[in-house]
Amino acid sequence: MTTTLPTIVVIGYNRPKSLTRLLDSLSKAHYPDGEIRLVISLDNSGTLEPLRVAEAYPWTRGEKRVIHREKRMGLRNHVLACGDLTEEYGDVIVLEDDLFVSPFFYEYTAQALSFYANDSRIAGISLYSQQFNQTANLPFTPIDDGNADVYFMQLAASWGQAWSREHWQGFRQWLDTNGTDISRVEGIPGDIRSWPESSWLKLYNAYIISRDLYFVYPYRSLTTNFGDPGEHFYIASSRFQVAIQQQRMDYHFPSSMDSLAIYDAFGELLPATLKRLNPKLASYDFTVNLFGCKECRSGLQLTRTTKPGLHSFSLSMKPMELSVLHDVAGEGIALIDTAEIDAAELNAARTQYDTYRFFYKFPSVPVICVGFLERLQMMIKSARSS
């Protein structure tokens, strides 16, 4: 069990306004009695303004340590160095400077770290609640799991995350053994594979996928992301803004073995839950591919298709899994042999359009034009920076 209070580690580079906003949200948060250390780690950006912000910030909860890196580290090495602080401090809560925290972020994270301290399947705690499947580029909604306040995903978090010393040691040992070449790790979504070499998250995801580990995610988010221009955003984006918890609550943490809401790296519910709640599926071995992002070569898959399968369900409820869990008859989803599926069908323009219409109201022509121009602007900025 956690015996000391987690250290807060803020990561910054060249965004003094973002850093100020995050620090202001930390000042308004609720904390337990005791000394709480704050570390502000700044990569060398060639400007001293972020350092001035960090040094001037009044932290009254305990020790404040400002680390100004003498040489430019880059995001990956900077985050790895901050994770290494677990050797010195134990539990850490890591926050990049474009985040904003809920007033109750510390209570949630400290309790989650403590509850899952001895769970060997857990590789970290997320403060951010996923509401978007980046691999599928579609909304993501975890299924309800009774009175549980968290769910589980085989995806590492980067928009507010916490590690114990043991979590980080497991990753570091894996990295020392396997290095940064993840080409031999199976089950990694294609978009994650394509992330740049500057991504530490790419490596951590490869680690948890290869070891069949999970992150704990809250249903109510304790952080939100402003998407300020920086390492990964060329223009400001509100795409990953989510509502954050506003009231204190008593958290209920389920065992990772008992939870219904366990998702793989593609944002797909594990087959075990579907078998558990729909007896029709209990005797089958299948891959869940409702978002259609997996390259299934053989065997049964549960996927979006209008073709009849061994069992067919209506593509009507949200999230999609609910139609299967509640055995809603119809078409749109089927348990079907992969050999009967045309792989090109899942990526066809018409299929993508139908999927879009399932999740969204179709935008007006002026909105489409503005979106096209914004996308063009991002592509131009990206080309100029490369």
Protein backbone atom coordinates (compact mmCIF):
# COMPACT_ATOMS: atom_id res chain seq x y z
CA MET A 1 0.00 0.00 0.00
CA THR A 2 1.11 3.60 -0.62
CA THR A 3 2.62 5.02 2.58
CA THR A 4 3.80 8.44 1.36
CA LEU A 5 1.94 11.11 -0.52
CA PRO A 6 2.55 11.14 -4.28
CA THR A 7 4.86 13.77 -5.71
CA ILE A 8 3.39 16.05 -8.39
CA VAL A 9 5.66 16.39 -11.43
CA VAL A 10 4.86 19.15 -13.93
CA ILE A 11 6.53 18.94 -17.35
CA GLY A 12 7.10 22.14 -19.34
CA TYR A 13 9.03 23.42 -22.31
CA ASN A 14 8.24 26.73 -24.05
CA ARG A 15 4.63 27.56 -23.12
CA PRO A 16 4.66 29.94 -20.13
CA LYS A 17 0.94 30.75 -20.46
CA SER A 18 0.04 27.07 -20.46
CA LEU A 19 2.30 26.45 -17.49
CA THR A 20 0.68 29.32 -15.58
CA ARG A 21 -2.79 27.96 -16.27
CA LEU A 22 -1.88 24.48 -15.04
CA LEU A 23 -0.19 25.81 -11.90
CA ASP A 24 -3.22 27.98 -11.14
CA SER A 25 -5.44 24.88 -11.30
CA LEU A 26 -3.06 23.08 -8.91
CA SER A 27 -3.44 25.96 -6.45
CA LYS A 28 -7.22 25.51 -6.41
CA ALA A 29 -7.16 21.75 -5.83
CA HIS A 30 -7.91 19.94 -2.56
CA TYR A 31 -5.11 18.07 -0.80
CA PRO A 32 -4.85 15.83 2.28
CA ASP A 33 -2.88 16.86 5.31
CA GLY A 34 0.84 16.28 4.98
CA GLU A 35 3.79 17.39 2.91
CA ILE A 36 3.19 17.23 -0.84
CA ARG A 37 6.19 17.79 -3.05
CA LEU A 38 5.92 19.67 -6.36
CA VAL A 39 8.58 19.22 -9.04
CA ILE A 40 8.51 21.48 -12.10
CA SER A 41 10.77 20.08 -14.79
CA LEU A 42 11.53 22.37 -17.75
CA ASP A 43 13.26 21.29 -20.90
CA ASN A 44 15.70 23.81 -22.40
CA SER A 45 13.72 25.85 -24.93
CA GLY A 46 16.13 28.75 -25.32
CA THR A 47 13.81 31.06 -23.41
CA LEU A 48 13.77 31.75 -19.68
CA GLU A 49 10.13 32.81 -19.39
CA PRO A 50 8.85 29.34 -18.31
CA LEU A 51 11.63 29.24 -15.69
CA ARG A 52 10.53 32.61 -14.33
CA VAL A 53 6.95 31.35 -14.07
CA ALA A 54 8.09 28.21 -12.23
CA GLU A 55 10.35 30.05 -9.81
CA ALA A 56 7.73 32.67 -9.00
CA TYR A 57 4.94 30.17 -8.39
CA PRO A 58 4.03 29.99 -4.67
CA TRP A 59 3.59 26.36 -3.60
CA THR A 60 2.48 26.15 0.03
CA ARG A 61 1.84 22.41 0.39
CA GLY A 62 5.44 21.28 0.76
CA GLU A 63 8.77 21.36 -1.02
CA LYS A 64 8.93 22.94 -4.49
CA ARG A 65 11.77 21.83 -6.73
CA VAL A 66 12.43 23.42 -10.11
CA ILE A 67 14.60 21.47 -12.56
CA HIS A 68 15.83 23.44 -15.57
CA ARG A 69 17.48 21.10 -18.06
CA GLU A 70 20.80 22.50 -19.31
CA LYS A 71 20.49 20.89 -22.75
CA ARG A 72 17.45 20.24 -24.94
CA MET A 73 16.23 16.73 -24.15
CA GLY A 74 13.22 16.38 -26.41
CA LEU A 75 9.84 15.20 -25.18
CA ARG A 76 10.61 11.48 -25.00
CA ASN A 77 13.81 11.79 -22.99
CA HIS A 78 12.28 14.50 -20.83
CA VAL A 79 9.31 12.34 -19.84
CA LEU A 80 11.59 9.34 -19.27
CA ALA A 81 13.75 11.46 -16.95
CA CYS A 82 10.65 12.57 -15.05
CA GLY A 83 9.48 8.96 -14.73
CA ASP A 84 12.89 8.12 -13.30
CA LEU A 85 12.04 10.39 -10.37
CA THR A 86 10.04 7.45 -9.00
CA GLU A 87 13.38 6.01 -7.86
CA GLU A 88 13.85 9.04 -5.64
CA TYR A 89 10.28 9.87 -4.66
CA GLY A 90 8.14 6.75 -5.14
CA ASP A 91 4.65 7.52 -6.49
CA VAL A 92 4.49 10.40 -8.98
CA ILE A 93 1.64 12.23 -10.72
CA VAL A 94 2.88 13.53 -14.07
CA LEU A 95 1.19 16.52 -15.73
CA GLU A 96 2.22 18.14 -18.99
CA ASP A 97 1.76 21.90 -19.15
CA ASP A 98 -1.23 21.98 -21.53
CA LEU A 99 -3.41 20.19 -18.98
CA PHE A 100 -5.86 21.52 -16.39
CA VAL A 101 -6.75 19.54 -13.28
CA SER A 102 -9.98 18.96 -11.41
CA PRO A 103 -10.00 20.23 -7.83
CA PHE A 104 -10.15 16.56 -6.79
CA PHE A 105 -7.38 15.16 -8.98
CA TYR A 106 -5.08 14.45 -6.06
CA GLU A 107 -7.64 12.59 -3.95
CA TYR A 108 -8.58 10.32 -6.86
CA THR A 109 -5.00 9.57 -7.88
CA ALA A 110 -3.67 8.90 -4.39
CA GLN A 111 -6.56 6.53 -3.66
CA ALA A 112 -6.22 4.73 -7.00
CA LEU A 113 -2.47 4.26 -6.55
CA SER A 114 -3.09 2.82 -3.12
CA PHE A 115 -5.91 0.49 -4.16
CA TYR A 116 -4.07 -1.00 -7.14
CA ALA A 117 -0.61 -1.03 -5.56
CA ASN A 118 -0.51 -4.83 -5.45
CA ASP A 119 -2.35 -5.55 -8.69
CA SER A 120 0.24 -7.02 -11.07
CA ARG A 121 -1.99 -6.34 -14.10
CA ILE A 122 -1.88 -2.56 -13.63
CA ALA A 123 0.87 -0.46 -15.22
CA GLY A 124 -0.33 3.01 -14.28
CA ILE A 125 -3.22 5.30 -13.39
CA SER A 126 -4.83 7.73 -15.83
CA LEU A 127 -6.37 10.99 -14.64
CA TYR A 128 -7.92 11.60 -18.06
CA SER A 129 -11.13 9.88 -19.16
CA GLN A 130 -11.07 8.67 -22.75
CA GLN A 131 -13.99 9.89 -24.81
CA PHE A 132 -12.40 9.48 -28.24
CA ASN A 133 -10.88 6.48 -29.98
CA GLN A 134 -7.87 7.97 -31.74
CA THR A 135 -7.16 4.80 -33.71
CA ALA A 136 -10.67 4.74 -35.20
CA ASN A 137 -11.05 8.53 -35.15
CA LEU A 138 -14.47 8.05 -33.58
CA PRO A 139 -16.11 8.68 -30.19
CA PHE A 140 -15.42 6.21 -27.40
CA THR A 141 -17.79 5.50 -24.53
CA PRO A 142 -17.00 2.83 -21.92
CA ILE A 143 -19.88 0.61 -20.87
CA ASP A 144 -21.47 1.07 -17.47
CA ASP A 145 -20.00 -1.14 -14.75
CA GLY A 146 -22.39 -0.66 -11.86
CA ASN A 147 -21.00 1.49 -9.08
CA ALA A 148 -17.42 1.32 -10.38
CA ASP A 149 -15.73 4.69 -10.89
CA VAL A 150 -12.99 3.39 -13.18
CA TYR A 151 -12.52 1.15 -16.18
CA PHE A 152 -9.44 -0.45 -17.74
CA MET A 153 -7.66 0.03 -21.06
CA GLN A 154 -4.57 -1.48 -22.62
CA LEU A 155 -3.47 2.03 -23.47
CA ALA A 156 -1.05 4.15 -21.49
CA ALA A 157 -2.16 7.67 -20.60
CA SER A 158 -0.24 10.87 -21.31
CA TRP A 159 -2.77 13.56 -20.40
CA GLY A 160 -2.32 13.16 -16.68
CA GLN A 161 -0.89 9.87 -15.40
CA ALA A 162 0.52 8.39 -12.23
CA TRP A 163 3.15 5.72 -11.69
CA SER A 164 4.44 3.94 -8.66
CA ARG A 165 8.10 3.00 -8.44
CA GLU A 166 7.13 -0.57 -9.33
CA HIS A 167 5.14 0.54 -12.40
CA TRP A 168 8.08 2.51 -13.73
CA GLN A 169 10.67 -0.13 -12.91
CA GLY A 170 8.68 -2.67 -14.91
CA PHE A 171 8.69 -0.39 -17.94
CA ARG A 172 12.37 0.52 -17.59
CA GLN A 173 13.40 -3.12 -17.34
CA TRP A 174 11.38 -3.94 -20.45
CA LEU A 175 12.93 -0.98 -22.30
CA ASP A 176 16.46 -2.00 -21.29
CA THR A 177 15.82 -5.49 -22.65
CA ASN A 178 13.89 -4.64 -25.82
CA GLY A 179 15.13 -1.21 -26.78
CA THR A 180 13.12 1.25 -28.86
CA ASP A 181 12.47 -1.05 -31.84
CA ILE A 182 8.85 -2.16 -31.38
CA SER A 183 8.44 -3.75 -34.82
CA ARG A 184 8.28 -7.24 -33.33
CA VAL A 185 5.57 -6.41 -30.81
CA GLU A 186 2.23 -7.68 -32.10
CA GLY A 187 -1.14 -6.11 -31.44
CA ILE A 188 -0.08 -2.46 -31.68
CA PRO A 189 -2.59 -0.26 -33.56
CA GLY A 190 -1.23 1.14 -36.81
CA ASP A 191 -1.59 4.77 -35.78
CA ILE A 192 0.52 4.15 -32.66
CA ARG A 193 3.22 2.45 -34.72
CA SER A 194 3.37 5.53 -36.94
CA TRP A 195 3.92 7.95 -34.07
CA PRO A 196 7.26 9.77 -34.26
CA GLU A 197 10.41 8.62 -32.51
CA SER A 198 9.97 11.52 -30.10
CA SER A 199 7.03 9.66 -28.52
CA TRP A 200 7.65 8.02 -25.15
CA LEU A 201 3.99 6.94 -25.14
CA LYS A 202 4.58 4.73 -28.16
CA LEU A 203 7.14 2.76 -26.15
CA TYR A 204 4.99 2.51 -23.03
CA ASN A 205 2.08 1.25 -25.10
CA ALA A 206 4.31 -1.41 -26.67
CA TYR A 207 5.36 -2.43 -23.17
CA ILE A 208 1.86 -2.89 -21.75
CA ILE A 209 0.56 -4.61 -24.90
CA SER A 210 3.46 -7.06 -24.92
CA ARG A 211 2.99 -7.82 -21.21
CA ASP A 212 -0.86 -7.81 -21.25
CA LEU A 213 -1.06 -4.97 -18.72
CA TYR A 214 -3.64 -2.21 -18.26
CA PHE A 215 -4.07 1.40 -17.19
CA VAL A 216 -6.85 2.44 -14.82
CA TYR A 217 -9.11 5.14 -16.33
CA PRO A 218 -11.74 7.23 -14.51
CA TYR A 219 -15.30 7.55 -15.80
CA ARG A 220 -15.22 11.17 -14.59
CA SER A 221 -12.12 12.89 -15.85
CA LEU A 222 -9.71 14.53 -13.43
CA THR A 223 -7.81 16.37 -16.17
CA THR A 224 -8.62 18.00 -19.46
CA ASN A 225 -6.37 18.84 -22.39
CA PHE A 226 -6.25 22.34 -23.89
CA GLY A 227 -4.39 21.15 -27.00
CA ASP A 228 -2.09 24.16 -27.04
CA PRO A 229 0.31 24.39 -30.00
CA GLY A 230 3.48 22.46 -29.20
CA GLU A 231 5.14 19.12 -29.82
CA HIS A 232 2.02 17.43 -31.23
CA PHE A 233 -0.40 20.26 -32.09
CA TYR A 234 0.36 22.82 -34.80
CA ILE A 235 -2.74 24.88 -34.01
CA ALA A 236 -4.83 25.03 -30.86
CA SER A 237 -7.38 22.21 -30.65
CA SER A 238 -10.34 21.62 -28.34
CA ARG A 239 -10.78 18.11 -29.67
CA PHE A 240 -9.64 16.48 -26.43
CA GLN A 241 -11.37 18.79 -23.99
CA VAL A 242 -13.56 16.79 -21.60
CA ALA A 243 -15.69 17.64 -18.59
CA ILE A 244 -13.81 17.32 -15.29
CA GLN A 245 -15.08 16.25 -11.88
CA GLN A 246 -16.51 19.18 -9.92
CA GLN A 247 -17.64 17.62 -6.63
CA ARG A 248 -15.96 15.42 -4.05
CA MET A 249 -17.02 11.78 -4.17
CA ASP A 250 -16.28 8.47 -2.51
CA TYR A 251 -14.47 6.41 -5.13
CA HIS A 252 -15.28 2.78 -5.72
CA PHE A 253 -12.46 0.84 -7.34
CA PRO A 254 -13.30 -2.60 -8.76
CA SER A 255 -10.83 -5.42 -9.04
CA SER A 256 -9.28 -5.62 -12.48
CA MET A 257 -10.31 -9.28 -12.52
CA ASP A 258 -14.00 -8.58 -11.87
CA SER A 259 -14.62 -5.51 -14.02
CA LEU A 260 -16.89 -5.66 -17.05
CA ALA A 261 -15.29 -2.58 -18.63
CA ILE A 262 -11.90 -3.80 -19.86
CA TYR A 263 -10.68 -2.65 -23.27
CA ASP A 264 -7.78 -3.54 -25.52
CA ALA A 265 -5.40 -1.16 -27.31
CA PHE A 266 -7.93 -0.64 -30.13
CA GLY A 267 -10.64 0.52 -27.72
CA GLU A 268 -12.50 -2.78 -28.14
CA LEU A 269 -14.27 -4.46 -25.24
CA LEU A 270 -12.65 -7.78 -24.34
CA PRO A 271 -14.56 -10.87 -25.55
CA ALA A 272 -14.84 -12.15 -21.97
CA THR A 273 -17.40 -9.46 -21.08
CA LEU A 274 -19.49 -10.13 -24.19
CA LYS A 275 -19.49 -13.86 -23.45
CA ARG A 276 -20.37 -13.21 -19.83
CA LEU A 277 -23.40 -11.04 -20.61
CA ASN A 278 -24.65 -12.70 -23.80
CA PRO A 279 -24.72 -16.49 -23.38
CA LYS A 280 -25.14 -16.95 -27.14
CA LEU A 281 -21.47 -16.04 -27.55
CA ALA A 282 -20.07 -18.05 -24.67
CA SER A 283 -18.91 -21.05 -26.70
CA TYR A 284 -17.14 -19.08 -29.44
CA ASP A 285 -13.57 -17.82 -29.75
CA PHE A 286 -13.60 -14.54 -31.60
CA THR A 287 -11.93 -11.16 -32.07
CA VAL A 288 -13.88 -8.01 -31.28
CA ASN A 289 -13.47 -5.59 -34.19
CA LEU A 290 -16.44 -3.23 -33.99
CA PHE A 291 -14.35 -0.17 -34.86
CA GLY A 292 -12.92 -2.11 -37.82
CA CYS A 293 -9.28 -1.20 -37.17
CA LYS A 294 -7.82 -4.68 -36.66
CA GLU A 295 -6.22 -6.72 -39.41
CA CYS A 296 -7.99 -10.02 -38.88
CA ARG A 297 -6.66 -12.76 -41.16
CA SER A 298 -8.65 -15.76 -39.97
CA GLY A 299 -11.14 -16.99 -37.38
CA LEU A 300 -14.35 -15.42 -36.15
CA GLN A 301 -14.73 -11.73 -35.56
CA LEU A 302 -17.49 -9.58 -34.15
CA THR A 303 -17.59 -6.63 -36.49
CA ARG A 304 -19.72 -4.13 -38.36
CA THR A 305 -21.19 -5.70 -41.48
CA THR A 306 -24.55 -6.05 -43.15
CA LYS A 307 -23.79 -9.67 -44.04
CA PRO A 308 -25.55 -12.31 -41.92
CA GLY A 309 -23.31 -14.18 -39.51
CA LEU A 310 -23.60 -16.94 -36.95
CA HIS A 311 -25.34 -14.29 -34.88
CA SER A 312 -26.41 -10.85 -36.06
CA PHE A 313 -27.22 -7.72 -34.08
CA SER A 314 -28.59 -4.28 -34.76
CA LEU A 315 -26.13 -1.42 -35.11
CA SER A 316 -28.34 0.89 -33.10
CA MET A 317 -27.29 1.31 -29.46
CA LYS A 318 -24.43 3.44 -28.18
CA PRO A 319 -21.87 2.31 -27.40
CA MET A 320 -22.05 -0.33 -30.12
CA GLU A 321 -21.35 -3.19 -27.71
CA LEU A 322 -24.69 -2.68 -25.98
CA SER A 323 -26.61 -4.07 -28.97
CA VAL A 324 -24.58 -7.25 -28.57
CA LEU A 325 -24.75 -7.39 -24.78
CA HIS A 326 -28.54 -6.99 -24.88
CA ASP A 327 -28.98 -9.28 -27.89
CA VAL A 328 -30.78 -6.69 -30.01
CA ALA A 329 -31.63 -8.48 -33.27
CA GLY A 330 -31.06 -6.78 -36.61
CA GLU A 331 -28.25 -6.04 -38.99
CA GLY A 332 -25.10 -3.96 -38.87
CA ILE A 333 -23.10 -6.17 -36.48
CA ALA A 334 -22.37 -9.86 -36.90
CA LEU A 335 -20.30 -12.66 -35.44
CA ILE A 336 -18.90 -13.88 -38.73
CA ASP A 337 -16.01 -15.82 -40.22
CA THR A 338 -13.27 -13.50 -41.38
CA ALA A 339 -13.16 -15.33 -44.71
CA GLU A 340 -16.64 -13.99 -45.46
CA ILE A 341 -15.62 -10.38 -44.88
CA ASP A 342 -14.16 -8.22 -47.61
CA ALA A 343 -11.44 -6.29 -45.80
CA ALA A 344 -11.84 -3.44 -48.25
CA GLU A 345 -15.49 -3.17 -47.25
CA LEU A 346 -14.63 -1.90 -43.77
CA ASN A 347 -12.54 0.90 -45.27
CA ALA A 348 -14.82 1.73 -48.18
CA ALA A 349 -16.08 5.30 -48.44
CA ARG A 350 -19.69 4.20 -48.04
CA THR A 351 -18.90 2.21 -44.88
CA GLN A 352 -17.02 5.13 -43.40
CA TYR A 353 -19.90 7.45 -44.26
CA ASP A 354 -22.45 5.14 -42.62
CA THR A 355 -20.25 4.89 -39.53
CA TYR A 356 -19.92 8.67 -39.40
CA ARG A 357 -23.69 9.07 -39.64
CA PHE A 358 -24.13 6.58 -36.78
CA PHE A 359 -21.99 8.69 -34.47
CA TYR A 360 -22.58 12.23 -35.72
CA LYS A 361 -25.09 14.55 -37.33
CA PHE A 362 -23.80 15.40 -40.80
CA PRO A 363 -22.37 18.97 -40.82
CA SER A 364 -23.54 21.76 -43.07
CA VAL A 365 -21.60 22.79 -46.19
CA PRO A 366 -20.13 25.95 -44.55
CA VAL A 367 -18.88 23.85 -41.63
CA ILE A 368 -17.29 21.36 -44.04
CA CYS A 369 -15.52 24.20 -45.87
CA VAL A 370 -14.14 25.70 -42.66
CA GLY A 371 -12.96 22.27 -41.54
CA PHE A 372 -11.24 21.71 -44.89
CA LEU A 373 -9.41 25.04 -44.66
CA GLU A 374 -8.30 24.30 -41.09
CA ARG A 375 -7.03 20.88 -42.16
CA LEU A 376 -5.13 22.47 -45.05
CA GLN A 377 -3.59 25.00 -42.67
CA MET A 378 -2.40 22.19 -40.38
CA MET A 379 -0.86 20.32 -43.31
CA ILE A 380 1.01 23.44 -44.47
CA LYS A 381 2.37 24.12 -40.98
CA SER A 382 3.39 20.50 -40.62
CA ALA A 383 5.23 20.57 -43.96
CA ARG A 384 7.06 23.77 -43.05
CA SER A 385 8.22 22.39 -39.71
CA SER A 386 9.53 19.10 -41.16
